[in-house]
Protein backbone atom coordinates (compact mmCIF):
# COMPACT_ATOMS: atom_id res chain seq x y z
CA UNK A 1 -3.56 2.27 8.73
CA UNK A 2 -5.50 5.47 8.41
CA UNK A 3 -4.05 8.43 6.54
CA UNK A 4 -4.83 11.56 4.60
CA UNK A 5 -3.56 15.00 3.75
CA UNK A 6 -2.58 17.15 6.72
CA UNK A 7 -4.63 20.33 6.62
CA UNK A 8 -6.17 19.57 3.24
CA UNK A 9 -4.34 20.41 0.05
CA UNK A 10 -3.55 17.94 -2.67
CA UNK A 11 -1.27 14.94 -3.04
CA UNK A 12 1.35 16.81 -5.05
CA UNK A 13 1.87 19.62 -2.53
CA UNK A 14 0.49 18.41 0.80
CA UNK A 15 2.00 16.60 3.75
CA UNK A 16 0.55 13.15 4.29
CA UNK A 17 -0.25 12.20 7.87
CA UNK A 18 -1.67 9.12 9.46
CA UNK A 19 -1.87 6.62 12.26
CA UNK A 20 -0.98 2.95 12.26
CA UNK A 21 -1.36 0.20 14.84
CA UNK A 22 1.94 -1.00 16.30
CA UNK A 23 3.01 -4.25 17.90
CA UNK A 24 2.95 -4.18 21.69
CA UNK A 25 6.77 -4.15 21.91
CA UNK A 26 7.26 -1.13 19.59
CA UNK A 27 8.04 2.18 21.32
CA UNK A 28 9.26 4.28 18.38
CA UNK A 29 9.45 4.12 14.61
CA UNK A 30 12.04 5.75 12.36
CA UNK A 31 10.91 6.42 8.80
CA UNK A 32 13.47 6.90 6.04
CA UNK A 33 12.29 9.07 3.17
CA UNK A 34 13.20 9.04 -0.52
CA UNK A 35 15.58 12.00 -0.12
CA UNK A 36 17.60 10.14 2.57
CA UNK A 37 16.22 12.09 5.52
CA UNK A 38 14.57 10.41 8.52
CA UNK A 39 11.91 11.21 11.10
CA UNK A 40 11.23 9.52 14.42
CA UNK A 41 7.72 8.97 15.77
CA UNK A 42 6.87 7.65 19.25
CA UNK A 43 4.39 4.85 19.85
CA UNK A 44 1.58 5.69 22.25
CA UNK A 45 -0.72 3.42 24.19
CA UNK A 46 -4.48 3.84 24.00
CA UNK A 47 -6.86 1.36 25.58
CA UNK A 48 -4.14 -1.32 25.85
CA UNK A 49 -3.21 -0.99 22.16
CA UNK A 50 -0.18 0.77 20.66
CA UNK A 51 -0.29 3.29 17.81
CA UNK A 52 2.14 5.46 15.87
CA UNK A 53 1.19 8.77 14.30
CA UNK A 54 3.36 9.70 11.33
CA UNK A 55 3.88 12.29 8.59
CA UNK A 56 5.37 12.14 5.12
CA UNK A 57 6.50 15.51 3.73
CA UNK A 58 5.26 16.65 0.33
CA UNK A 59 7.19 15.29 -2.65
CA UNK A 60 8.72 12.45 -0.57
CA UNK A 61 7.94 8.77 -0.08
CA UNK A 62 8.82 6.35 2.69
CA UNK A 63 11.48 3.88 1.53
CA UNK A 64 11.84 1.95 4.79
CA UNK A 65 11.12 1.93 8.50
CA UNK A 66 12.79 0.53 11.58
CA UNK A 67 10.79 -0.22 14.72
CA UNK A 68 12.51 -0.03 18.13
CA UNK A 69 11.58 -1.43 21.53
CA UNK A 70 11.73 0.23 24.94
CA UNK A 71 15.45 -0.46 25.42
CA UNK A 72 16.39 0.76 21.93
CA UNK A 73 16.74 -2.64 20.31
CA UNK A 74 15.35 -3.26 16.82
CA UNK A 75 12.09 -5.20 16.93
CA UNK A 76 11.15 -4.94 13.26
CA UNK A 77 11.60 -3.26 9.91
CA UNK A 78 9.51 -2.79 6.79
CA UNK A 79 9.81 -1.59 3.24
CA UNK A 80 8.32 1.56 1.81
CA UNK A 81 5.17 0.04 0.26
CA UNK A 82 3.94 -0.76 3.79
CA UNK A 83 3.59 2.99 4.39
CA UNK A 84 1.63 3.83 1.21
CA UNK A 85 -1.91 5.08 1.72
């Protein structure tokens, strides 16, 4: 995982963004944030590897994620600490 503040700023007011390697069967990831909202991020292939770019809005934390395959089936899930930078 590689992450940092989007456009600078500081941890208390800035949006966190990053990129994480994904399993070869993952095609999208849905992050659930501490306020109950969710965001969906597609997996992209680069040089035969899969990656997901993501963002975490200011003042929120990721509490869980669900990873989906090409046909929409769940291929994995993780807890929030996995997404901490």
